[in-house]
């Protein structure tokens, strides 16, 4: 099964993504590898540079300084859920000329 993010279908599963971003083949993603994954997934748009570190810290649940495959899959699932909520709850602009009394 392929994962979906936003309005497009990701060409690979979260497990396949993990393998691709695990550049050094250590079996875990370090901060740099996770930052590349987050950037490619669009998670770092319109956020401060420190956001990648904050996201990493939140999803490195055992605090070992790297993200294993299960932690990464949880991160991807959370991002997918957040994007779905965003799509399901669009911001509606106030019509031009509307004035609240």
PDB file of N, CA and C in Angstrom:
ATOM      1  N   UNK A   1       0.840  -1.189   0.000  1.00  0.00           N
ATOM      2  CA  UNK A   1       0.000   0.000   0.000  1.00  0.00           C
ATOM      3  C   UNK A   1       0.874   1.238   0.000  1.00  0.00           C
ATOM      4  N   UNK A   2       0.460   2.193  -0.719  1.00  0.00           N
ATOM      5  CA  UNK A   2       1.189   3.455  -0.796  1.00  0.00           C
ATOM      6  C   UNK A   2       0.568   4.447   0.176  1.00  0.00           C
ATOM      7  N   UNK A   3       1.403   5.270   0.763  1.00  0.00           N
ATOM      8  CA  UNK A   3       0.917   6.285   1.698  1.00  0.00           C
ATOM      9  C   UNK A   3       0.538   7.533   0.920  1.00  0.00           C
ATOM     10  N   UNK A   4      -0.386   8.293   1.483  1.00  0.00           N
ATOM     11  CA  UNK A   4      -0.763   9.557   0.855  1.00  0.00           C
ATOM     12  C   UNK A   4      -0.416  10.698   1.786  1.00  0.00           C
ATOM     13  N   UNK A   5       0.047  11.792   1.220  1.00  0.00           N
ATOM     14  CA  UNK A   5       0.347  13.001   1.982  1.00  0.00           C
ATOM     15  C   UNK A   5      -0.270  14.162   1.219  1.00  0.00           C
ATOM     16  N   UNK A   6      -1.004  14.968   1.922  1.00  0.00           N
ATOM     17  CA  UNK A   6      -1.609  16.108   1.268  1.00  0.00           C
ATOM     18  C   UNK A   6      -2.542  15.645   0.178  1.00  0.00           C
ATOM     19  N   UNK A   7      -2.442  16.245  -0.982  1.00  0.00           N
ATOM     20  CA  UNK A   7      -3.339  15.897  -2.075  1.00  0.00           C
ATOM     21  C   UNK A   7      -2.674  14.964  -3.082  1.00  0.00           C
ATOM     22  N   UNK A   8      -1.506  14.436  -2.737  1.00  0.00           N
ATOM     23  CA  UNK A   8      -0.834  13.549  -3.671  1.00  0.00           C
ATOM     24  C   UNK A   8      -0.484  12.240  -2.993  1.00  0.00           C
ATOM     25  N   UNK A   9      -0.271  11.231  -3.783  1.00  0.00           N
ATOM     26  CA  UNK A   9       0.102   9.912  -3.272  1.00  0.00           C
ATOM     27  C   UNK A   9       1.620   9.815  -3.238  1.00  0.00           C
ATOM     28  N   UNK A  10       2.166   9.446  -2.070  1.00  0.00           N
ATOM     29  CA  UNK A  10       3.615   9.288  -1.973  1.00  0.00           C
ATOM     30  C   UNK A  10       4.009   8.056  -2.770  1.00  0.00           C
ATOM     31  N   UNK A  11       5.120   8.110  -3.472  1.00  0.00           N
ATOM     32  CA  UNK A  11       5.530   6.994  -4.314  1.00  0.00           C
ATOM     33  C   UNK A  11       6.054   5.803  -3.526  1.00  0.00           C
ATOM     34  N   UNK A  12       6.105   5.898  -2.201  1.00  0.00           N
ATOM     35  CA  UNK A  12       6.645   4.820  -1.397  1.00  0.00           C
ATOM     36  C   UNK A  12       5.971   4.768  -0.033  1.00  0.00           C
ATOM     37  N   UNK A  13       6.089   3.632   0.624  1.00  0.00           N
ATOM     38  CA  UNK A  13       5.528   3.476   1.964  1.00  0.00           C
ATOM     39  C   UNK A  13       6.447   4.168   2.970  1.00  0.00           C
ATOM     40  N   UNK A  14       5.964   4.423   4.196  1.00  0.00           N
ATOM     41  CA  UNK A  14       6.849   5.000   5.214  1.00  0.00           C
ATOM     42  C   UNK A  14       8.094   4.143   5.461  1.00  0.00           C
ATOM     43  N   UNK A  15       7.954   2.813   5.404  1.00  0.00           N
ATOM     44  CA  UNK A  15       9.116   1.942   5.580  1.00  0.00           C
ATOM     45  C   UNK A  15      10.136   2.112   4.465  1.00  0.00           C
ATOM     46  N   UNK A  16       9.644   2.238   3.239  1.00  0.00           N
ATOM     47  CA  UNK A  16      10.549   2.464   2.105  1.00  0.00           C
ATOM     48  C   UNK A  16      11.212   3.834   2.214  1.00  0.00           C
ATOM     49  N   UNK A  17      10.452   4.813   2.674  1.00  0.00           N
ATOM     50  CA  UNK A  17      11.028   6.148   2.881  1.00  0.00           C
ATOM     51  C   UNK A  17      12.147   6.082   3.906  1.00  0.00           C
ATOM     52  N   UNK A  18      11.880   5.369   5.004  1.00  0.00           N
ATOM     53  CA  UNK A  18      12.884   5.236   6.057  1.00  0.00           C
ATOM     54  C   UNK A  18      14.171   4.666   5.470  1.00  0.00           C
ATOM     55  N   UNK A  19      14.065   3.616   4.681  1.00  0.00           N
ATOM     56  CA  UNK A  19      15.250   2.996   4.081  1.00  0.00           C
ATOM     57  C   UNK A  19      15.986   3.973   3.175  1.00  0.00           C
ATOM     58  N   UNK A  20      15.231   4.779   2.435  1.00  0.00           N
ATOM     59  CA  UNK A  20      15.866   5.744   1.518  1.00  0.00           C
ATOM     60  C   UNK A  20      16.606   6.839   2.280  1.00  0.00           C
ATOM     61  N   UNK A  21      15.994   7.334   3.369  1.00  0.00           N
ATOM     62  CA  UNK A  21      16.630   8.418   4.123  1.00  0.00           C
ATOM     63  C   UNK A  21      17.726   7.925   5.059  1.00  0.00           C
ATOM     64  N   UNK A  22      17.774   6.636   5.344  1.00  0.00           N
ATOM     65  CA  UNK A  22      18.839   6.069   6.169  1.00  0.00           C
ATOM     66  C   UNK A  22      20.078   5.919   5.295  1.00  0.00           C
ATOM     67  N   UNK A  23      20.660   7.058   4.944  1.00  0.00           N
ATOM     68  CA  UNK A  23      21.756   7.119   3.980  1.00  0.00           C
ATOM     69  C   UNK A  23      22.960   6.295   4.431  1.00  0.00           C
ATOM     70  N   UNK A  24      23.274   6.329   5.714  1.00  0.00           N
ATOM     71  CA  UNK A  24      24.444   5.591   6.203  1.00  0.00           C
ATOM     72  C   UNK A  24      24.130   4.133   6.552  1.00  0.00           C
ATOM     73  N   UNK A  25      22.865   3.730   6.320  1.00  0.00           N
ATOM     74  CA  UNK A  25      22.408   2.347   6.550  1.00  0.00           C
ATOM     75  C   UNK A  25      22.685   1.867   7.981  1.00  0.00           C
ATOM     76  N   UNK A  26      22.495   2.789   8.940  1.00  0.00           N
ATOM     77  CA  UNK A  26      22.728   2.468  10.351  1.00  0.00           C
ATOM     78  C   UNK A  26      21.522   1.802  11.000  1.00  0.00           C
ATOM     79  N   UNK A  27      20.386   1.825  10.305  1.00  0.00           N
ATOM     80  CA  UNK A  27      19.167   1.283  10.896  1.00  0.00           C
ATOM     81  C   UNK A  27      18.401   2.304  11.703  1.00  0.00           C
ATOM     82  N   UNK A  28      18.879   3.541  11.696  1.00  0.00           N
ATOM     83  CA  UNK A  28      18.216   4.643  12.397  1.00  0.00           C
ATOM     84  C   UNK A  28      18.522   5.933  11.640  1.00  0.00           C
ATOM     85  N   UNK A  29      17.633   6.905  11.797  1.00  0.00           N
ATOM     86  CA  UNK A  29      17.838   8.201  11.145  1.00  0.00           C
ATOM     87  C   UNK A  29      18.400   9.183  12.160  1.00  0.00           C
ATOM     88  N   UNK A  30      19.489   9.844  11.795  1.00  0.00           N
ATOM     89  CA  UNK A  30      20.014  10.895  12.663  1.00  0.00           C
ATOM     90  C   UNK A  30      19.276  12.198  12.353  1.00  0.00           C
ATOM     91  N   UNK A  31      19.604  13.243  13.063  1.00  0.00           N
ATOM     92  CA  UNK A  31      18.897  14.526  12.905  1.00  0.00           C
ATOM     93  C   UNK A  31      18.952  15.040  11.468  1.00  0.00           C
ATOM     94  N   UNK A  32      20.099  14.915  10.823  1.00  0.00           N
ATOM     95  CA  UNK A  32      20.243  15.415   9.450  1.00  0.00           C
ATOM     96  C   UNK A  32      19.367  14.618   8.495  1.00  0.00           C
ATOM     97  N   UNK A  33      19.358  13.300   8.651  1.00  0.00           N
ATOM     98  CA  UNK A  33      18.542  12.467   7.772  1.00  0.00           C
ATOM     99  C   UNK A  33      17.056  12.771   7.962  1.00  0.00           C
ATOM    100  N   UNK A  34      16.630  12.976   9.202  1.00  0.00           N
ATOM    101  CA  UNK A  34      15.229  13.321   9.467  1.00  0.00           C
ATOM    102  C   UNK A  34      14.907  14.697   8.899  1.00  0.00           C
ATOM    103  N   UNK A  35      15.838  15.625   9.004  1.00  0.00           N
ATOM    104  CA  UNK A  35      15.598  16.966   8.466  1.00  0.00           C
ATOM    105  C   UNK A  35      15.373  16.906   6.955  1.00  0.00           C
ATOM    106  N   UNK A  36      16.142  16.109   6.242  1.00  0.00           N
ATOM    107  CA  UNK A  36      15.928  15.954   4.799  1.00  0.00           C
ATOM    108  C   UNK A  36      14.558  15.349   4.524  1.00  0.00           C
ATOM    109  N   UNK A  37      14.173  14.338   5.305  1.00  0.00           N
ATOM    110  CA  UNK A  37      12.861  13.710   5.118  1.00  0.00           C
ATOM    111  C   UNK A  37      11.747  14.719   5.366  1.00  0.00           C
ATOM    112  N   UNK A  38      11.854  15.489   6.436  1.00  0.00           N
ATOM    113  CA  UNK A  38      10.829  16.488   6.751  1.00  0.00           C
ATOM    114  C   UNK A  38      10.732  17.542   5.656  1.00  0.00           C
ATOM    115  N   UNK A  39      11.865  17.980   5.152  1.00  0.00           N
ATOM    116  CA  UNK A  39      11.869  18.980   4.080  1.00  0.00           C
ATOM    117  C   UNK A  39      11.194  18.419   2.829  1.00  0.00           C
ATOM    118  N   UNK A  40      11.525  17.179   2.474  1.00  0.00           N
ATOM    119  CA  UNK A  40      10.928  16.567   1.290  1.00  0.00           C
ATOM    120  C   UNK A  40       9.424  16.372   1.443  1.00  0.00           C
ATOM    121  N   UNK A  41       8.970  16.135   2.676  1.00  0.00           N
ATOM    122  CA  UNK A  41       7.545  15.945   2.936  1.00  0.00           C
ATOM    123  C   UNK A  41       6.796  17.276   3.063  1.00  0.00           C
ATOM    124  N   UNK A  42       7.519  18.378   3.005  1.00  0.00           N
ATOM    125  CA  UNK A  42       6.882  19.686   3.100  1.00  0.00           C
ATOM    126  C   UNK A  42       6.569  20.122   4.519  1.00  0.00           C
ATOM    127  N   UNK A  43       7.119  19.435   5.502  1.00  0.00           N
ATOM    128  CA  UNK A  43       6.815  19.749   6.901  1.00  0.00           C
ATOM    129  C   UNK A  43       7.542  20.979   7.403  1.00  0.00           C
ATOM    130  N   UNK A  44       8.515  21.470   6.669  1.00  0.00           N
ATOM    131  CA  UNK A  44       9.300  22.598   7.148  1.00  0.00           C
ATOM    132  C   UNK A  44       8.965  23.901   6.443  1.00  0.00           C
ATOM    133  N   UNK A  45       7.890  23.885   5.652  1.00  0.00           N
ATOM    134  CA  UNK A  45       7.473  25.116   4.980  1.00  0.00           C
ATOM    135  C   UNK A  45       6.876  26.071   6.000  1.00  0.00           C
ATOM    136  N   UNK A  46       7.251  27.316   5.917  1.00  0.00           N
ATOM    137  CA  UNK A  46       6.686  28.380   6.742  1.00  0.00           C
ATOM    138  C   UNK A  46       6.873  28.135   8.246  1.00  0.00           C
ATOM    139  N   UNK A  47       7.956  27.478   8.618  1.00  0.00           N
ATOM    140  CA  UNK A  47       8.270  27.285  10.032  1.00  0.00           C
ATOM    141  C   UNK A  47       9.724  27.681  10.269  1.00  0.00           C
ATOM    142  N   UNK A  48      10.062  28.050  11.493  1.00  0.00           N
ATOM    143  CA  UNK A  48      11.453  28.424  11.774  1.00  0.00           C
ATOM    144  C   UNK A  48      12.378  27.215  11.660  1.00  0.00           C
ATOM    145  N   UNK A  49      13.669  27.455  11.407  1.00  0.00           N
ATOM    146  CA  UNK A  49      14.632  26.356  11.274  1.00  0.00           C
ATOM    147  C   UNK A  49      14.669  25.427  12.487  1.00  0.00           C
ATOM    148  N   UNK A  50      14.370  25.947  13.639  1.00  0.00           N
ATOM    149  CA  UNK A  50      14.394  25.125  14.852  1.00  0.00           C
ATOM    150  C   UNK A  50      13.269  24.094  14.876  1.00  0.00           C
ATOM    151  N   UNK A  51      12.295  24.221  13.985  1.00  0.00           N
ATOM    152  CA  UNK A  51      11.159  23.301  13.973  1.00  0.00           C
ATOM    153  C   UNK A  51      11.595  21.861  13.725  1.00  0.00           C
ATOM    154  N   UNK A  52      12.590  21.653  12.863  1.00  0.00           N
ATOM    155  CA  UNK A  52      13.051  20.292  12.587  1.00  0.00           C
ATOM    156  C   UNK A  52      13.570  19.637  13.864  1.00  0.00           C
ATOM    157  N   UNK A  53      14.321  20.384  14.658  1.00  0.00           N
ATOM    158  CA  UNK A  53      14.847  19.842  15.913  1.00  0.00           C
ATOM    159  C   UNK A  53      13.720  19.545  16.889  1.00  0.00           C
ATOM    160  N   UNK A  54      12.737  20.426  16.954  1.00  0.00           N
ATOM    161  CA  UNK A  54      11.599  20.211  17.853  1.00  0.00           C
ATOM    162  C   UNK A  54      10.808  18.966  17.450  1.00  0.00           C
ATOM    163  N   UNK A  55      10.583  18.806  16.154  1.00  0.00           N
ATOM    164  CA  UNK A  55       9.854  17.640  15.654  1.00  0.00           C
ATOM    165  C   UNK A  55      10.642  16.368  15.960  1.00  0.00           C
ATOM    166  N   UNK A  56      11.942  16.420  15.702  1.00  0.00           N
ATOM    167  CA  UNK A  56      12.792  15.259  15.975  1.00  0.00           C
ATOM    168  C   UNK A  56      12.683  14.862  17.448  1.00  0.00           C
ATOM    169  N   UNK A  57      12.841  15.835  18.336  1.00  0.00           N
ATOM    170  CA  UNK A  57      12.798  15.558  19.774  1.00  0.00           C
ATOM    171  C   UNK A  57      11.454  14.963  20.195  1.00  0.00           C
ATOM    172  N   UNK A  58      10.377  15.449  19.615  1.00  0.00           N
ATOM    173  CA  UNK A  58       9.048  14.952  19.972  1.00  0.00           C
ATOM    174  C   UNK A  58       8.859  13.493  19.562  1.00  0.00           C
ATOM    175  N   UNK A  59       9.386  13.106  18.413  1.00  0.00           N
ATOM    176  CA  UNK A  59       9.151  11.763  17.896  1.00  0.00           C
ATOM    177  C   UNK A  59      10.272  10.779  18.208  1.00  0.00           C
ATOM    178  N   UNK A  60      11.378  11.254  18.758  1.00  0.00           N
ATOM    179  CA  UNK A  60      12.429  10.356  19.259  1.00  0.00           C
ATOM    180  C   UNK A  60      11.993   9.949  20.660  1.00  0.00           C
ATOM    181  N   UNK A  61      11.007   9.067  20.715  1.00  0.00           N
ATOM    182  CA  UNK A  61      10.311   8.785  21.974  1.00  0.00           C
ATOM    183  C   UNK A  61      11.176   8.114  23.029  1.00  0.00           C
ATOM    184  N   UNK A  62      12.216   7.388  22.617  1.00  0.00           N
ATOM    185  CA  UNK A  62      13.069   6.764  23.632  1.00  0.00           C
ATOM    186  C   UNK A  62      14.275   7.633  23.988  1.00  0.00           C
ATOM    187  N   UNK A  63      14.402   8.801  23.328  1.00  0.00           N
ATOM    188  CA  UNK A  63      15.442   9.767  23.665  1.00  0.00           C
ATOM    189  C   UNK A  63      16.866   9.315  23.373  1.00  0.00           C
ATOM    190  N   UNK A  64      17.036   8.390  22.416  1.00  0.00           N
ATOM    191  CA  UNK A  64      18.383   7.894  22.138  1.00  0.00           C
ATOM    192  C   UNK A  64      19.150   8.733  21.119  1.00  0.00           C
ATOM    193  N   UNK A  65      18.547   9.826  20.642  1.00  0.00           N
ATOM    194  CA  UNK A  65      19.243  10.727  19.726  1.00  0.00           C
ATOM    195  C   UNK A  65      19.165  10.339  18.267  1.00  0.00           C
ATOM    196  N   UNK A  66      18.470   9.245  17.965  1.00  0.00           N
ATOM    197  CA  UNK A  66      18.218   8.838  16.582  1.00  0.00           C
ATOM    198  C   UNK A  66      16.765   8.394  16.493  1.00  0.00           C
ATOM    199  N   UNK A  67      16.244   8.329  15.276  1.00  0.00           N
ATOM    200  CA  UNK A  67      14.862   7.914  15.081  1.00  0.00           C
ATOM    201  C   UNK A  67      14.860   6.549  14.403  1.00  0.00           C
ATOM    202  N   UNK A  68      14.309   5.554  15.113  1.00  0.00           N
ATOM    203  CA  UNK A  68      14.235   4.228  14.511  1.00  0.00           C
ATOM    204  C   UNK A  68      13.038   4.180  13.555  1.00  0.00           C
ATOM    205  N   UNK A  69      12.891   3.060  12.871  1.00  0.00           N
ATOM    206  CA  UNK A  69      11.855   2.961  11.845  1.00  0.00           C
ATOM    207  C   UNK A  69      10.449   3.132  12.422  1.00  0.00           C
ATOM    208  N   UNK A  70      10.186   2.571  13.586  1.00  0.00           N
ATOM    209  CA  UNK A  70       8.855   2.700  14.190  1.00  0.00           C
ATOM    210  C   UNK A  70       8.561   4.146  14.572  1.00  0.00           C
ATOM    211  N   UNK A  71       9.547   4.840  15.133  1.00  0.00           N
ATOM    212  CA  UNK A  71       9.363   6.256  15.470  1.00  0.00           C
ATOM    213  C   UNK A  71       9.096   7.063  14.202  1.00  0.00           C
ATOM    214  N   UNK A  72       9.819   6.760  13.128  1.00  0.00           N
ATOM    215  CA  UNK A  72       9.631   7.465  11.859  1.00  0.00           C
ATOM    216  C   UNK A  72       8.242   7.210  11.293  1.00  0.00           C
ATOM    217  N   UNK A  73       7.770   5.968  11.370  1.00  0.00           N
ATOM    218  CA  UNK A  73       6.429   5.650  10.865  1.00  0.00           C
ATOM    219  C   UNK A  73       5.362   6.422  11.648  1.00  0.00           C
ATOM    220  N   UNK A  74       5.552   6.573  12.950  1.00  0.00           N
ATOM    221  CA  UNK A  74       4.611   7.354  13.764  1.00  0.00           C
ATOM    222  C   UNK A  74       4.627   8.812  13.330  1.00  0.00           C
ATOM    223  N   UNK A  75       5.822   9.345  13.067  1.00  0.00           N
ATOM    224  CA  UNK A  75       5.954  10.723  12.585  1.00  0.00           C
ATOM    225  C   UNK A  75       5.211  10.908  11.270  1.00  0.00           C
ATOM    226  N   UNK A  76       5.418  10.009  10.311  1.00  0.00           N
ATOM    227  CA  UNK A  76       4.765  10.118   8.998  1.00  0.00           C
ATOM    228  C   UNK A  76       3.242  10.015   9.161  1.00  0.00           C
ATOM    229  N   UNK A  77       2.779   9.088  10.001  1.00  0.00           N
ATOM    230  CA  UNK A  77       1.336   8.940  10.219  1.00  0.00           C
ATOM    231  C   UNK A  77       0.745  10.201  10.832  1.00  0.00           C
ATOM    232  N   UNK A  78       1.448  10.812  11.769  1.00  0.00           N
ATOM    233  CA  UNK A  78       0.966  12.047  12.409  1.00  0.00           C
ATOM    234  C   UNK A  78       0.897  13.180  11.385  1.00  0.00           C
ATOM    235  N   UNK A  79       1.911  13.266  10.528  1.00  0.00           N
ATOM    236  CA  UNK A  79       1.904  14.306   9.497  1.00  0.00           C
ATOM    237  C   UNK A  79       0.742  14.096   8.544  1.00  0.00           C
ATOM    238  N   UNK A  80       0.494  12.845   8.171  1.00  0.00           N
ATOM    239  CA  UNK A  80      -0.609  12.546   7.263  1.00  0.00           C
ATOM    240  C   UNK A  80      -1.941  12.934   7.909  1.00  0.00           C
ATOM    241  N   UNK A  81      -2.107  12.619   9.182  1.00  0.00           N
ATOM    242  CA  UNK A  81      -3.335  12.958   9.891  1.00  0.00           C
ATOM    243  C   UNK A  81      -3.513  14.477   9.974  1.00  0.00           C
ATOM    244  N   UNK A  82      -2.433  15.198  10.248  1.00  0.00           N
ATOM    245  CA  UNK A  82      -2.513  16.658  10.336  1.00  0.00           C
ATOM    246  C   UNK A  82      -2.909  17.265   9.002  1.00  0.00           C
ATOM    247  N   UNK A  83      -2.364  16.726   7.925  1.00  0.00           N
ATOM    248  CA  UNK A  83      -2.718  17.248   6.595  1.00  0.00           C
ATOM    249  C   UNK A  83      -4.167  16.947   6.262  1.00  0.00           C
ATOM    250  N   UNK A  84      -4.674  15.785   6.673  1.00  0.00           N
ATOM    251  CA  UNK A  84      -6.067  15.433   6.427  1.00  0.00           C
ATOM    252  C   UNK A  84      -6.979  16.390   7.188  1.00  0.00           C
ATOM    253  N   UNK A  85      -6.661  16.666   8.442  1.00  0.00           N
ATOM    254  CA  UNK A  85      -7.463  17.600   9.239  1.00  0.00           C
ATOM    255  C   UNK A  85      -7.462  18.966   8.581  1.00  0.00           C
ATOM    256  N   UNK A  86      -6.327  19.386   8.092  1.00  0.00           N
ATOM    257  CA  UNK A  86      -6.226  20.693   7.439  1.00  0.00           C
ATOM    258  C   UNK A  86      -7.104  20.736   6.188  1.00  0.00           C
ATOM    259  N   UNK A  87      -7.100  19.647   5.399  1.00  0.00           N
ATOM    260  CA  UNK A  87      -7.938  19.593   4.194  1.00  0.00           C
ATOM    261  C   UNK A  87      -9.414  19.543   4.555  1.00  0.00           C
ATOM    262  N   UNK A  88      -9.759  18.811   5.623  1.00  0.00           N
ATOM    263  CA  UNK A  88     -11.158  18.650   6.007  1.00  0.00           C
ATOM    264  C   UNK A  88     -11.743  19.889   6.671  1.00  0.00           C
ATOM    265  N   UNK A  89     -10.893  20.775   7.166  1.00  0.00           N
ATOM    266  CA  UNK A  89     -11.351  21.983   7.854  1.00  0.00           C
ATOM    267  C   UNK A  89     -10.749  23.219   7.199  1.00  0.00           C
ATOM    268  N   UNK A  90     -11.181  23.520   5.981  1.00  0.00           N
ATOM    269  CA  UNK A  90     -10.600  24.664   5.288  1.00  0.00           C
ATOM    270  C   UNK A  90     -10.976  25.980   5.967  1.00  0.00           C
ATOM    271  N   UNK A  91     -10.085  26.918   5.858  1.00  0.00           N
ATOM    272  CA  UNK A  91     -10.363  28.257   6.374  1.00  0.00           C
ATOM    273  C   UNK A  91     -11.230  28.974   5.353  1.00  0.00           C
ATOM    274  N   UNK A  92     -12.332  29.503   5.825  1.00  0.00           N
ATOM    275  CA  UNK A  92     -13.262  30.186   4.941  1.00  0.00           C
ATOM    276  C   UNK A  92     -13.039  31.685   5.071  1.00  0.00           C
ATOM    277  N   UNK A  93     -12.827  32.323   3.939  1.00  0.00           N
ATOM    278  CA  UNK A  93     -12.645  33.772   3.945  1.00  0.00           C
ATOM    279  C   UNK A  93     -13.990  34.454   4.137  1.00  0.00           C
ATOM    280  N   UNK A  94     -13.961  35.563   4.853  1.00  0.00           N
ATOM    281  CA  UNK A  94     -15.171  36.368   5.019  1.00  0.00           C
ATOM    282  C   UNK A  94     -15.461  37.032   3.675  1.00  0.00           C
ATOM    283  N   UNK A  95     -16.689  36.909   3.188  1.00  0.00           N
ATOM    284  CA  UNK A  95     -17.020  37.507   1.892  1.00  0.00           C
ATOM    285  C   UNK A  95     -16.725  39.001   1.859  1.00  0.00           C
ATOM    286  N   UNK A  96     -16.286  39.460   0.696  1.00  0.00           N
ATOM    287  CA  UNK A  96     -16.003  40.877   0.514  1.00  0.00           C
ATOM    288  C   UNK A  96     -17.239  41.695   0.824  1.00  0.00           C
ATOM    289  N   UNK A  97     -17.088  42.756   1.564  1.00  0.00           N
ATOM    290  CA  UNK A  97     -18.200  43.623   1.877  1.00  0.00           C
ATOM    291  C   UNK A  97     -18.942  43.250   3.155  1.00  0.00           C
ATOM    292  N   UNK A  98     -18.636  42.092   3.728  1.00  0.00           N
ATOM    293  CA  UNK A  98     -19.298  41.688   4.963  1.00  0.00           C
ATOM    294  C   UNK A  98     -18.748  42.510   6.108  1.00  0.00           C
ATOM    295  N   UNK A  99     -19.620  42.997   6.930  1.00  0.00           N
ATOM    296  CA  UNK A  99     -19.181  43.802   8.055  1.00  0.00           C
ATOM    297  C   UNK A  99     -19.916  43.347   9.297  1.00  0.00           C
ATOM    298  N   UNK A 100     -19.154  43.044  10.324  1.00  0.00           N
ATOM    299  CA  UNK A 100     -19.766  42.597  11.580  1.00  0.00           C
ATOM    300  C   UNK A 100     -20.214  43.827  12.361  1.00  0.00           C
ATOM    301  N   UNK A 101     -21.468  43.823  12.812  1.00  0.00           N
ATOM    302  CA  UNK A 101     -22.005  44.989  13.536  1.00  0.00           C
ATOM    303  C   UNK A 101     -21.744  44.887  14.973  1.00  0.00           C
TER     304      UNK A 101
END
